[in-house]
Protein backbone atom coordinates (compact mmCIF):
# COMPACT_ATOMS: atom_id res chain seq x y z
CA UNK A 1 70.13 34.62 41.16
CA UNK A 2 73.34 32.91 42.03
CA UNK A 3 75.03 33.93 45.30
CA UNK A 4 78.09 35.36 43.55
CA UNK A 5 76.18 37.47 40.98
CA UNK A 6 75.79 41.20 41.74
CA UNK A 7 72.39 42.41 42.89
CA UNK A 8 70.17 44.62 40.69
CA UNK A 9 71.26 47.88 42.39
CA UNK A 10 74.93 47.27 41.74
CA UNK A 11 74.21 46.37 38.17
CA UNK A 12 72.24 49.54 37.73
CA UNK A 13 75.09 51.64 39.02
CA UNK A 14 77.47 49.90 36.61
CA UNK A 15 75.08 50.66 33.81
CA UNK A 16 74.98 54.27 34.74
CA UNK A 17 78.81 54.36 34.28
CA UNK A 18 78.45 52.76 30.72
CA UNK A 19 79.17 49.17 31.65
CA UNK A 20 77.42 47.17 28.91
CA UNK A 21 78.24 43.84 30.60
CA UNK A 22 76.05 44.85 33.45
CA UNK A 23 73.19 45.51 31.08
CA UNK A 24 73.70 42.09 29.59
CA UNK A 25 73.40 40.50 33.09
CA UNK A 26 70.14 42.34 33.64
CA UNK A 27 68.92 41.48 30.23
CA UNK A 28 69.56 37.83 30.91
CA UNK A 29 67.95 38.02 34.29
CA UNK A 30 64.77 39.87 33.21
CA UNK A 31 64.29 39.54 29.40
CA UNK A 32 61.71 36.80 29.71
CA UNK A 33 59.76 38.60 32.34
CA UNK A 34 59.77 41.91 30.29
CA UNK A 35 58.77 39.99 27.17
CA UNK A 36 55.95 38.20 28.90
CA UNK A 37 54.52 41.48 30.16
CA UNK A 38 54.75 43.08 26.68
CA UNK A 39 53.18 40.12 25.13
CA UNK A 40 50.27 40.00 27.60
CA UNK A 41 49.41 43.64 26.63
CA UNK A 42 50.22 43.50 22.96
CA UNK A 43 49.23 39.92 21.94
CA UNK A 44 51.79 40.23 19.08
CA UNK A 45 55.22 38.45 19.06
CA UNK A 46 56.89 41.09 16.89
CA UNK A 47 55.71 44.09 18.83
CA UNK A 48 56.43 42.40 22.18
CA UNK A 49 60.00 41.79 21.04
CA UNK A 50 60.36 45.43 19.88
CA UNK A 51 58.94 46.73 23.24
CA UNK A 52 61.45 44.40 25.17
CA UNK A 53 64.23 45.84 23.15
CA UNK A 54 63.02 49.37 23.72
CA UNK A 55 62.73 48.79 27.51
CA UNK A 56 66.28 47.64 27.74
CA UNK A 57 67.46 50.59 25.57
CA UNK A 58 65.57 52.92 28.01
CA UNK A 59 67.31 51.12 30.87
CA UNK A 60 70.71 51.66 29.16
CA UNK A 61 70.05 55.32 28.69
CA UNK A 62 68.22 56.18 31.88
CA UNK A 63 69.12 53.60 34.59
CA UNK A 64 69.33 56.30 37.15
CA UNK A 65 65.49 56.78 37.07
CA UNK A 66 64.92 53.74 39.19
CA UNK A 67 64.52 54.65 42.85
CA UNK A 68 65.08 51.76 45.24
CA UNK A 69 63.07 53.50 47.90
CA UNK A 70 59.86 52.99 45.95
CA UNK A 71 60.06 49.22 45.62
CA UNK A 72 61.82 46.29 43.96
CA UNK A 73 63.60 46.70 40.67
CA UNK A 74 61.57 44.00 39.02
CA UNK A 75 58.27 45.70 39.90
CA UNK A 76 59.52 48.97 38.53
CA UNK A 77 60.77 47.22 35.40
CA UNK A 78 57.37 45.56 34.81
CA UNK A 79 55.63 48.92 35.29
CA UNK A 80 58.03 50.55 32.70
CA UNK A 81 57.30 47.55 30.34
CA UNK A 82 53.52 47.82 30.78
CA UNK A 83 53.49 51.56 29.96
CA UNK A 84 55.79 51.13 27.00
CA UNK A 85 53.54 48.40 25.67
CA UNK A 86 50.36 50.51 26.15
CA UNK A 87 52.07 53.36 24.33
CA UNK A 88 52.90 50.98 21.52
CA UNK A 89 49.20 49.91 21.39
CA UNK A 90 48.20 53.54 21.07
CA UNK A 91 50.69 54.10 18.31
CA UNK A 92 49.04 51.02 16.49
CA UNK A 93 45.58 52.47 17.13
CA UNK A 94 44.56 49.69 19.52
CA UNK A 95 43.38 49.61 23.10
CA UNK A 96 44.87 47.38 25.98
CA UNK A 97 42.66 44.38 26.70
CA UNK A 98 41.40 43.23 30.11
CA UNK A 99 44.01 41.25 31.96
CA UNK A 100 43.49 37.53 31.93
CA UNK A 101 43.68 35.71 35.14
CA UNK A 102 43.81 31.93 35.89
CA UNK A 103 40.71 30.13 37.20
CA UNK A 104 42.17 29.92 40.75
CA UNK A 105 42.17 33.65 40.89
CA UNK A 106 38.40 34.01 40.65
CA UNK A 107 37.91 35.90 43.82
CA UNK A 108 40.49 38.38 42.92
CA UNK A 109 39.24 38.51 39.30
CA UNK A 110 35.83 39.65 40.37
CA UNK A 111 37.29 42.36 42.49
CA UNK A 112 39.68 43.65 39.90
CA UNK A 113 37.12 43.47 37.13
CA UNK A 114 34.97 45.83 39.16
CA UNK A 115 37.86 48.38 38.96
CA UNK A 116 39.45 47.91 35.56
CA UNK A 117 38.18 49.79 32.48
CA UNK A 118 36.50 47.67 29.93
CA UNK A 119 35.71 50.22 27.23
CA UNK A 120 37.23 53.35 25.68
CA UNK A 121 35.09 55.81 27.72
CA UNK A 122 36.48 54.39 30.97
CA UNK A 123 40.16 54.69 30.16
CA UNK A 124 40.39 57.63 32.52
CA UNK A 125 39.16 55.53 35.31
CA UNK A 126 42.07 53.19 34.66
CA UNK A 127 44.45 56.18 34.93
CA UNK A 128 42.84 57.05 38.31
CA UNK A 129 43.22 53.46 39.48
CA UNK A 130 46.93 53.64 38.83
CA UNK A 131 47.11 56.68 41.03
CA UNK A 132 45.20 54.83 43.77
CA UNK A 133 47.62 51.93 43.60
CA UNK A 134 50.31 54.24 44.72
CA UNK A 135 48.46 54.76 48.09
CA UNK A 136 48.68 50.97 48.94
CA UNK A 137 51.42 49.96 51.31
CA UNK A 138 54.42 48.89 49.23
CA UNK A 139 54.08 45.16 49.91
CA UNK A 140 50.45 45.13 48.83
CA UNK A 141 51.10 47.35 45.84
CA UNK A 142 53.91 45.11 44.69
CA UNK A 143 51.76 41.97 45.02
CA UNK A 144 48.90 43.51 43.12
CA UNK A 145 51.02 44.92 40.38
CA UNK A 146 52.91 41.54 39.90
CA UNK A 147 49.74 39.57 39.93
CA UNK A 148 47.53 41.63 37.71
CA UNK A 149 49.97 43.59 35.55
CA UNK A 150 52.76 41.02 35.56
CA UNK A 151 50.44 38.09 35.18
CA UNK A 152 51.98 35.98 37.95
CA UNK A 153 49.96 33.34 39.67
CA UNK A 154 49.79 33.07 43.46
CA UNK A 155 52.40 30.28 43.42
CA UNK A 156 54.61 32.24 40.94
CA UNK A 157 54.52 35.31 43.26
CA UNK A 158 55.29 33.28 46.30
CA UNK A 159 58.40 31.75 44.60
CA UNK A 160 59.40 35.10 43.08
CA UNK A 161 59.11 37.03 46.33
CA UNK A 162 60.48 34.27 48.47
CA UNK A 163 57.38 34.37 50.68
CA UNK A 164 54.92 31.67 51.88
CA UNK A 165 51.83 31.23 49.75
CA UNK A 166 49.57 32.40 52.51
CA UNK A 167 51.43 35.68 52.96
CA UNK A 168 51.17 36.37 49.27
CA UNK A 169 47.43 35.62 49.19
CA UNK A 170 47.02 37.79 52.24
CA UNK A 171 48.81 40.69 50.59
CA UNK A 172 46.76 40.42 47.53
CA UNK A 173 43.47 40.26 49.42
CA UNK A 174 44.31 43.18 51.71
CA UNK A 175 45.61 45.19 48.71
CA UNK A 176 42.55 44.60 46.63
CA UNK A 177 40.21 45.38 49.63
CA UNK A 178 42.07 48.59 50.25
CA UNK A 179 42.10 49.56 46.53
CA UNK A 180 38.31 48.89 46.39
CA UNK A 181 37.76 51.01 49.53
CA UNK A 182 39.81 53.90 48.12
CA UNK A 183 37.87 53.61 44.79
CA UNK A 184 34.49 53.62 46.48
CA UNK A 185 35.49 56.54 48.81
CA UNK A 186 36.58 58.57 45.80
CA UNK A 187 33.32 57.76 43.95
CA UNK A 188 31.14 58.67 46.90
CA UNK A 189 33.09 61.87 47.60
CA UNK A 190 34.46 60.78 50.95
CA UNK A 191 38.05 61.75 50.13
């Protein structure tokens, strides 16, 4: 983002007052990210384009739903997109597929695959996992969401968040370890 462009919070305030130019700026800034997330879930160009349009329409109509106290706007927007895409899959009578990770994420892939649902009967476990994600510290939750639901690699995460690569890897590792611990504690009745 250029130094003279308004930040996301200011643009959202302007959208709430009906400023369509502010929406265009956010669309230009995030449309590719939103589309990428929708496509990763849907694996269909036309449906991903529709979901992208729907997400920005929701943003236009309900920009005040974003709460800056709960994390970055981009993470919130990716979460909204992911849920919209999953809802679209349900309308189409399909289920979400397991998220694909790059080969350099093999340690994290193993940990996450142990937690993610892989069949219809375990869909509820996936919903429960989303609730457990909310218990992670915000930095760890953001890293996990952007990596696994946003599809960003470690390097992309570091660049996007403006953090050193080691910090990003550490947040992901700690977040996944904490998530696994919460999951096992729930399963074993320790919580």
